Amino acid sequence: MYDYLVVGAGLFGSVFAHEANKRGKKCLVVDKRDHIGGNVYTEQIEGINVHKYGAHIFHTNNQKIWEYVNGFAEFNRYTNSPMAHYKGELYNLPFNMNTFNKLWGVVSPDEAKEKIEQQKVASGISEPKNLEEQAISLVGTDIYEKLIKGYTEKQWGRSARELPAFIIKRLPVRFTYDNNYFNDRYQGIPVGGYTGIIEKMLKGIDVRLNVDFFEERQELEGLADKVVYTGMIDHYYDYKYGVLEYRSLQFETNILDDTDNYQGNAVINYTDEEIPYTRIIEHKHFEFGTQDKTVITKEYPTEWKPGDEPYYPINDDKNNEMYKKYKALSTNEKNVIFGGRLATYKYYDMHQVIGAALATVDKEFG
């Protein structure tokens, strides 16, 4: 009945199905959730587009991908400028001259560099062996203690001394008064939310929701010549080599009737250990909303267990070696295409997912 069964209605699956459909191929898209869009799904609450699974800010340096997504939606001029909240004090992120001025009262880049260098030397760290040592060797002890340690340990559920140094090797430090988190040339939020993009991608394509691929696997695979699989690769192989590990998230979303502006910013990170959530998102600020009410979401990192939503792969040596075994199995599949974050056990930004999906399309159709 179909040329392709696409398992997962997120970005990867939707881009592939859209491009295959354009080429005259018949696709069936299935998803276990009750909505399309995967983790970029947005839903309207009180006239506000709420990012159901955490903040998603589109950013890229790739003009081709920027033009591609703009074919499905108009993007606004939103610039990601998060804040860090530490024990009642607010600091700009990423670390820049505004952060350094607030911390130390310095006003020139040379003063800031000198302060950081003094703390790095005092630490005595020459060869960082873990995340804590890597962070201190990059930005000194003050920034580490206030703005990195608590947030990171909550996010990963482990002591920073137990985490590998590579996680934080690309820590952005800027000696300019620039609060823009991303350096990318193109950035914004789709006007009306991300769900509209996925709806346009899947227009004219058969979609079945609330479908668990593994419960109906034999029947579903019999409907198509090929499968595009975007779920967990270890699940596909019935955990033959073990279970790949993730960090998960729980979201607490509330409508606030008594204020139209809760925190004055779309994203504020909470970096002290005493507060259990890592950040609060105020969704209306993504689209410069003027509604009388506001909607906020608190994010609580949790240890992942089977049945939870997997968000962040734990790419340590143990898990990466296990993934290599699954990857080797997948290369022998003639009629299955593996793609996306879960099937490749890799964290992707949205533009990277789209780029990977388009590259897969090129490989498949030439």
Protein backbone atom coordinates (compact mmCIF):
# COMPACT_ATOMS: atom_id res chain seq x y z
CA MET A 1 0.00 0.00 0.00
CA TYR A 2 2.88 2.40 0.78
CA ASP A 3 6.40 3.04 -0.39
CA TYR A 4 7.51 4.19 3.07
CA LEU A 5 6.33 3.63 6.61
CA VAL A 6 7.68 6.56 8.64
CA VAL A 7 7.83 5.81 12.36
CA GLY A 8 7.71 9.15 14.19
CA ALA A 9 6.04 12.43 13.21
CA GLY A 10 8.85 14.66 14.48
CA LEU A 11 11.12 16.83 12.37
CA PHE A 12 13.18 14.06 10.76
CA GLY A 13 10.21 11.89 9.85
CA SER A 14 8.11 14.82 8.65
CA VAL A 15 10.84 16.24 6.42
CA PHE A 16 11.50 12.83 4.90
CA ALA A 17 7.80 12.13 4.33
CA HIS A 18 7.29 15.58 2.79
CA GLU A 19 10.19 15.17 0.38
CA ALA A 20 9.23 11.61 -0.53
CA ASN A 21 5.65 12.72 -1.17
CA LYS A 22 6.93 15.49 -3.46
CA ARG A 23 8.69 12.79 -5.47
CA GLY A 24 5.50 10.82 -5.92
CA LYS A 25 6.10 8.29 -3.16
CA LYS A 26 3.24 7.18 -0.93
CA CYS A 27 3.96 7.43 2.79
CA LEU A 28 2.27 6.40 6.00
CA VAL A 29 3.42 8.29 9.10
CA VAL A 30 2.69 6.81 12.53
CA ASP A 31 3.37 8.24 15.99
CA LYS A 32 2.68 6.93 19.47
CA ARG A 33 1.72 10.39 20.74
CA ASP A 34 -1.67 11.98 20.13
CA HIS A 35 -0.16 14.80 18.08
CA ILE A 36 2.33 15.43 15.29
CA GLY A 37 5.56 17.37 15.68
CA GLY A 38 7.51 15.28 18.17
CA ASN A 39 9.33 17.46 20.68
CA VAL A 40 8.87 20.67 18.64
CA TYR A 41 5.10 20.45 19.11
CA THR A 42 3.46 23.68 20.24
CA GLU A 43 -0.10 24.01 21.51
CA GLN A 44 -2.20 27.11 22.07
CA ILE A 45 -3.13 27.88 25.67
CA GLU A 46 -4.90 31.18 26.40
CA GLY A 47 -3.86 32.38 22.93
CA ILE A 48 -0.18 31.67 23.69
CA ASN A 49 1.87 29.13 21.72
CA VAL A 50 3.28 26.86 24.42
CA HIS A 51 6.42 24.82 23.70
CA LYS A 52 5.12 21.55 25.10
CA TYR A 53 8.51 19.83 25.41
CA GLY A 54 10.82 22.67 26.32
CA ALA A 55 12.11 25.80 24.62
CA HIS A 56 12.85 25.45 20.91
CA ILE A 57 14.64 28.41 19.31
CA PHE A 58 15.51 27.92 15.67
CA HIS A 59 19.04 29.00 14.76
CA THR A 60 21.43 28.13 11.96
CA ASN A 61 24.27 29.40 9.80
CA ASN A 62 23.07 27.29 6.90
CA GLN A 63 21.26 29.51 4.42
CA LYS A 64 19.80 26.54 2.56
CA ILE A 65 18.14 25.18 5.71
CA TRP A 66 16.96 28.65 6.77
CA GLU A 67 15.29 29.15 3.38
CA TYR A 68 13.84 25.65 3.60
CA VAL A 69 12.04 26.22 6.93
CA ASN A 70 10.91 29.67 5.82
CA GLY A 71 9.02 27.90 3.06
CA PHE A 72 6.69 26.55 5.75
CA ALA A 73 6.36 29.51 8.12
CA GLU A 74 7.25 33.14 8.70
CA PHE A 75 9.90 33.51 11.40
CA ASN A 76 10.02 36.45 13.79
CA ARG A 77 13.09 38.31 15.04
CA TYR A 78 13.33 36.56 18.42
CA THR A 79 16.88 36.50 19.80
CA ASN A 80 17.70 34.04 22.55
CA SER A 81 19.05 35.99 25.54
CA PRO A 82 18.54 33.80 28.61
CA MET A 83 19.27 34.87 32.17
CA ALA A 84 20.72 32.92 35.09
CA HIS A 85 19.10 33.18 38.53
CA TYR A 86 21.38 32.43 41.48
CA LYS A 87 20.15 33.01 45.02
CA GLY A 88 18.08 36.07 44.08
CA GLU A 89 20.68 37.56 41.71
CA LEU A 90 20.31 37.66 37.91
CA TYR A 91 23.19 37.26 35.45
CA ASN A 92 23.34 37.42 31.68
CA LEU A 93 24.02 34.30 29.60
CA PRO A 94 26.16 33.36 27.81
CA PHE A 95 29.00 34.63 29.97
CA ASN A 96 29.85 38.10 28.67
CA MET A 97 30.88 41.55 29.86
CA ASN A 98 27.45 42.13 31.44
CA THR A 99 27.98 38.95 33.49
CA PHE A 100 31.51 39.96 34.52
CA ASN A 101 30.43 43.48 35.46
CA LYS A 102 27.69 42.09 37.69
CA LEU A 103 30.05 39.58 39.31
CA TRP A 104 33.14 41.70 39.86
CA GLY A 105 32.36 45.31 38.93
CA VAL A 106 34.86 45.20 36.04
CA VAL A 107 34.08 47.35 33.00
CA SER A 108 36.78 46.48 30.45
CA PRO A 109 37.57 43.18 28.72
CA ASP A 110 41.16 43.30 30.00
CA GLU A 111 39.94 43.57 33.60
CA ALA A 112 37.61 40.62 33.10
CA LYS A 113 40.32 38.48 31.49
CA GLU A 114 42.71 39.30 34.33
CA LYS A 115 40.12 38.29 36.96
CA ILE A 116 39.43 34.97 35.25
CA GLU A 117 43.14 34.28 34.78
CA GLN A 118 43.84 34.92 38.47
CA GLN A 119 41.21 32.35 39.48
CA LYS A 120 42.44 29.81 36.92
CA VAL A 121 46.01 30.09 38.20
CA ALA A 122 44.88 29.87 41.83
CA SER A 123 43.00 26.63 41.07
CA GLY A 124 46.26 24.91 40.14
CA ILE A 125 44.51 22.83 37.45
CA SER A 126 46.83 22.00 34.56
CA GLU A 127 45.16 18.99 32.96
CA PRO A 128 41.35 18.95 33.56
CA LYS A 129 40.12 15.44 34.30
CA ASN A 130 36.41 16.13 34.76
CA LEU A 131 33.74 18.74 34.08
CA GLU A 132 34.42 20.70 37.26
CA GLU A 133 38.12 21.06 36.52
CA GLN A 134 37.43 21.87 32.87
CA ALA A 135 34.97 24.62 33.77
CA ILE A 136 37.27 26.21 36.36
CA SER A 137 40.18 26.10 33.91
CA LEU A 138 38.04 28.00 31.38
CA VAL A 139 36.18 30.60 33.47
CA GLY A 140 37.51 30.48 37.03
CA THR A 141 35.88 29.55 40.30
CA ASP A 142 33.27 32.33 40.73
CA ILE A 143 31.44 31.61 37.49
CA TYR A 144 31.72 27.87 38.03
CA GLU A 145 30.31 27.96 41.56
CA LYS A 146 27.46 30.35 40.82
CA LEU A 147 26.42 29.68 37.24
CA ILE A 148 27.62 26.21 36.21
CA LYS A 149 27.89 23.75 39.09
CA GLY A 150 24.31 23.60 40.39
CA TYR A 151 22.66 23.77 36.98
CA THR A 152 24.90 21.08 35.49
CA GLU A 153 24.53 18.70 38.40
CA LYS A 154 20.75 19.04 38.31
CA GLN A 155 20.71 18.57 34.54
CA TRP A 156 22.79 15.37 34.56
CA GLY A 157 21.94 14.03 38.01
CA ARG A 158 25.60 13.53 38.82
CA SER A 159 28.42 15.38 40.55
CA ALA A 160 30.37 17.63 38.19
CA ARG A 161 33.46 15.72 39.30
CA GLU A 162 31.95 12.55 37.84
CA LEU A 163 31.06 14.10 34.49
CA PRO A 164 33.48 14.04 31.54
CA ALA A 165 35.31 17.24 30.68
CA PHE A 166 34.22 17.24 27.02
CA ILE A 167 30.64 18.21 27.94
CA ILE A 168 31.75 21.77 28.63
CA LYS A 169 34.79 22.24 26.39
CA ARG A 170 32.91 24.62 24.11
CA LEU A 171 31.65 26.83 26.91
CA PRO A 172 30.91 30.24 25.32
CA VAL A 173 32.82 33.10 26.94
CA ARG A 174 32.57 36.53 25.33
CA PHE A 175 34.41 39.69 26.20
CA THR A 176 31.74 41.88 24.62
CA TYR A 177 28.47 43.33 25.92
CA ASP A 178 26.40 40.92 23.82
CA ASN A 179 23.61 38.83 25.37
CA ASN A 180 22.77 36.88 22.19
CA TYR A 181 23.21 33.22 23.15
CA PHE A 182 23.78 31.97 19.60
CA ASN A 183 26.36 33.17 17.11
CA ASP A 184 24.35 31.90 14.17
CA ARG A 185 23.43 34.22 11.34
CA TYR A 186 19.76 33.18 11.26
CA GLN A 187 17.54 32.94 14.33
CA GLY A 188 13.87 33.18 15.22
CA ILE A 189 10.61 31.55 16.24
CA PRO A 190 7.95 30.57 13.69
CA VAL A 191 4.99 32.92 13.97
CA GLY A 192 2.11 30.76 15.20
CA GLY A 193 4.35 28.00 16.58
CA TYR A 194 6.09 24.92 15.22
CA THR A 195 3.03 22.71 14.82
CA GLY A 196 1.95 24.65 11.73
CA ILE A 197 5.25 23.79 10.05
CA ILE A 198 4.72 20.06 10.59
CA GLU A 199 1.10 20.29 9.43
CA LYS A 200 2.26 21.79 6.14
CA MET A 201 4.98 19.17 5.74
CA LEU A 202 2.49 16.35 6.23
CA LYS A 203 -0.32 17.81 4.12
CA GLY A 204 -1.72 15.12 1.83
CA ILE A 205 0.13 12.34 3.68
CA ASP A 206 -1.60 9.58 5.64
CA VAL A 207 -0.93 10.03 9.38
CA ARG A 208 -2.00 7.74 12.20
CA LEU A 209 -1.60 8.92 15.80
CA ASN A 210 -1.77 6.98 19.07
CA VAL A 211 -0.07 4.09 17.29
CA ASP A 212 2.65 2.11 19.05
CA PHE A 213 4.89 0.75 16.29
CA PHE A 214 6.10 -2.15 18.43
CA GLU A 215 2.59 -3.28 19.36
CA GLU A 216 1.55 -3.41 15.69
CA ARG A 217 4.97 -3.98 14.14
CA GLN A 218 4.25 -6.94 11.92
CA GLU A 219 1.11 -5.44 10.44
CA LEU A 220 2.67 -1.98 9.92
CA GLU A 221 5.87 -3.29 8.32
CA GLY A 222 3.72 -5.32 5.95
CA LEU A 223 2.12 -2.13 4.62
CA ALA A 224 5.26 -0.60 3.11
CA ASP A 225 8.32 -1.44 1.04
CA LYS A 226 10.66 0.47 3.35
CA VAL A 227 10.67 1.77 6.93
CA VAL A 228 12.02 5.13 8.10
CA TYR A 229 12.59 4.64 11.81
CA THR A 230 13.16 7.58 14.17
CA GLY A 231 12.63 5.87 17.52
CA MET A 232 15.19 4.45 19.96
CA ILE A 233 17.60 2.20 18.09
CA ASP A 234 18.05 -0.17 21.05
CA HIS A 235 14.28 -0.64 21.24
CA TYR A 236 14.18 -1.53 17.54
CA TYR A 237 16.56 -4.41 18.27
CA ASP A 238 14.73 -5.41 21.46
CA TYR A 239 17.62 -4.18 23.64
CA LYS A 240 19.85 -6.99 22.35
CA TYR A 241 23.04 -5.35 23.64
CA GLY A 242 21.48 -3.53 26.59
CA VAL A 243 19.55 -0.33 27.24
CA LEU A 244 21.06 2.99 26.13
CA GLU A 245 20.82 5.64 28.84
CA TYR A 246 19.20 9.08 28.68
CA ARG A 247 18.28 11.98 30.89
CA SER A 248 14.60 12.83 30.89
CA LEU A 249 12.53 15.89 31.78
CA GLN A 250 9.28 16.56 33.57
CA PHE A 251 7.32 19.72 32.81
CA GLU A 252 5.07 21.66 35.14
CA THR A 253 2.98 24.16 33.15
CA ASN A 254 0.74 26.75 34.78
CA ILE A 255 -1.57 29.48 33.53
CA LEU A 256 -1.11 32.64 35.59
CA ASP A 257 -4.30 34.72 35.70
CA ASP A 258 -2.97 37.39 38.04
CA THR A 259 -0.17 38.76 35.85
CA ASP A 260 0.55 39.34 32.19
CA ASN A 261 4.34 39.17 32.66
CA TYR A 262 5.86 36.76 35.19
CA GLN A 263 9.61 37.07 34.64
CA GLY A 264 10.21 39.51 31.79
CA ASN A 265 12.16 36.99 29.70
CA ALA A 266 11.41 33.82 27.78
CA VAL A 267 14.05 31.69 29.54
CA ILE A 268 15.59 32.01 33.00
CA ASN A 269 17.93 29.29 34.26
CA TYR A 270 18.04 28.49 37.97
CA THR A 271 21.62 27.64 38.80
CA ASP A 272 21.60 27.03 42.56
CA GLU A 273 21.22 23.48 43.82
CA GLU A 274 18.42 24.23 46.31
CA ILE A 275 15.88 24.92 43.54
CA PRO A 276 14.88 21.57 41.96
CA TYR A 277 14.05 22.84 38.46
CA THR A 278 16.66 24.02 35.96
CA ARG A 279 14.69 26.74 34.24
CA ILE A 280 11.39 28.55 33.85
CA ILE A 281 10.05 29.27 30.38
CA GLU A 282 7.55 32.07 29.86
CA HIS A 283 6.20 31.19 26.44
CA LYS A 284 4.58 34.46 25.37
CA HIS A 285 7.97 36.20 25.16
CA PHE A 286 9.01 33.95 22.27
CA GLU A 287 6.47 35.80 20.13
CA PHE A 288 6.36 39.16 21.95
CA GLY A 289 2.88 38.35 23.25
CA THR A 290 0.55 41.00 24.71
CA GLN A 291 -2.07 38.65 26.20
CA ASP A 292 -3.68 39.55 29.54
CA LYS A 293 -2.48 36.27 31.07
CA THR A 294 0.76 34.34 30.85
CA VAL A 295 1.83 30.68 30.79
CA ILE A 296 5.00 29.39 32.44
CA THR A 297 6.69 25.99 32.45
CA LYS A 298 9.18 24.69 35.00
CA GLU A 299 11.62 22.02 33.79
CA TYR A 300 12.69 19.26 36.17
CA PRO A 301 15.48 16.94 34.95
CA THR A 302 14.99 13.30 35.93
CA GLU A 303 16.80 10.01 35.55
CA TRP A 304 15.35 8.22 32.53
CA LYS A 305 13.77 4.80 32.82
CA PRO A 306 11.93 2.72 30.21
CA GLY A 307 8.53 4.28 29.59
CA ASP A 308 9.77 7.84 30.13
CA GLU A 309 10.44 10.23 27.28
CA PRO A 310 14.15 10.14 26.38
CA TYR A 311 15.61 13.62 25.85
CA TYR A 312 19.38 13.76 26.29
CA PRO A 313 21.58 10.79 25.36
CA ILE A 314 24.33 10.12 27.88
CA ASN A 315 27.22 9.87 25.45
CA ASP A 316 29.80 8.44 27.80
CA ASP A 317 32.18 5.67 26.78
CA LYS A 318 29.93 2.85 27.96
CA ASN A 319 26.86 4.05 26.07
CA ASN A 320 28.77 5.04 22.95
CA GLU A 321 30.34 1.57 22.73
CA MET A 322 26.89 0.00 23.09
CA TYR A 323 25.49 2.30 20.39
CA LYS A 324 28.28 1.24 18.00
CA LYS A 325 27.02 -2.34 18.23
CA TYR A 326 23.48 -1.25 17.36
CA LYS A 327 24.82 0.98 14.59
CA ALA A 328 26.62 -2.03 13.10
CA LEU A 329 23.34 -3.96 13.04
CA SER A 330 21.54 -1.06 11.37
CA THR A 331 24.03 -0.87 8.50
CA ASN A 332 22.93 -4.36 7.41
CA GLU A 333 19.29 -3.34 7.04
CA LYS A 334 18.40 -3.03 3.37
CA ASN A 335 14.86 -1.77 3.84
CA VAL A 336 15.15 0.32 7.01
CA ILE A 337 16.44 3.90 7.25
CA PHE A 338 17.45 5.09 10.72
CA GLY A 339 17.36 8.81 11.40
CA GLY A 340 16.91 11.47 14.05
CA ARG A 341 18.05 11.93 17.62
CA LEU A 342 16.92 8.61 19.08
CA ALA A 343 17.83 6.37 16.17
CA THR A 344 21.38 7.77 16.00
CA TYR A 345 21.81 8.29 19.77
CA LYS A 346 22.94 11.85 19.28
CA TYR A 347 21.69 15.22 20.47
CA TYR A 348 20.66 17.41 17.53
CA ASP A 349 19.57 21.02 17.23
CA MET A 350 16.59 21.49 14.93
CA HIS A 351 18.58 22.70 11.94
CA GLN A 352 20.85 19.66 12.27
CA VAL A 353 17.86 17.30 12.23
CA ILE A 354 16.52 18.95 9.09
CA GLY A 355 19.96 18.86 7.48
CA ALA A 356 20.31 15.15 8.29
CA ALA A 357 16.84 14.42 6.92
CA LEU A 358 17.56 16.27 3.67
CA ALA A 359 20.88 14.44 3.32
CA THR A 360 19.03 11.15 3.77
CA VAL A 361 16.55 12.20 1.09
CA ASP A 362 19.40 13.00 -1.31
CA LYS A 363 20.98 9.62 -0.62
CA GLU A 364 17.69 7.78 -1.05
CA PHE A 365 16.45 9.51 -4.19
CA GLY A 366 19.68 10.79 -5.75
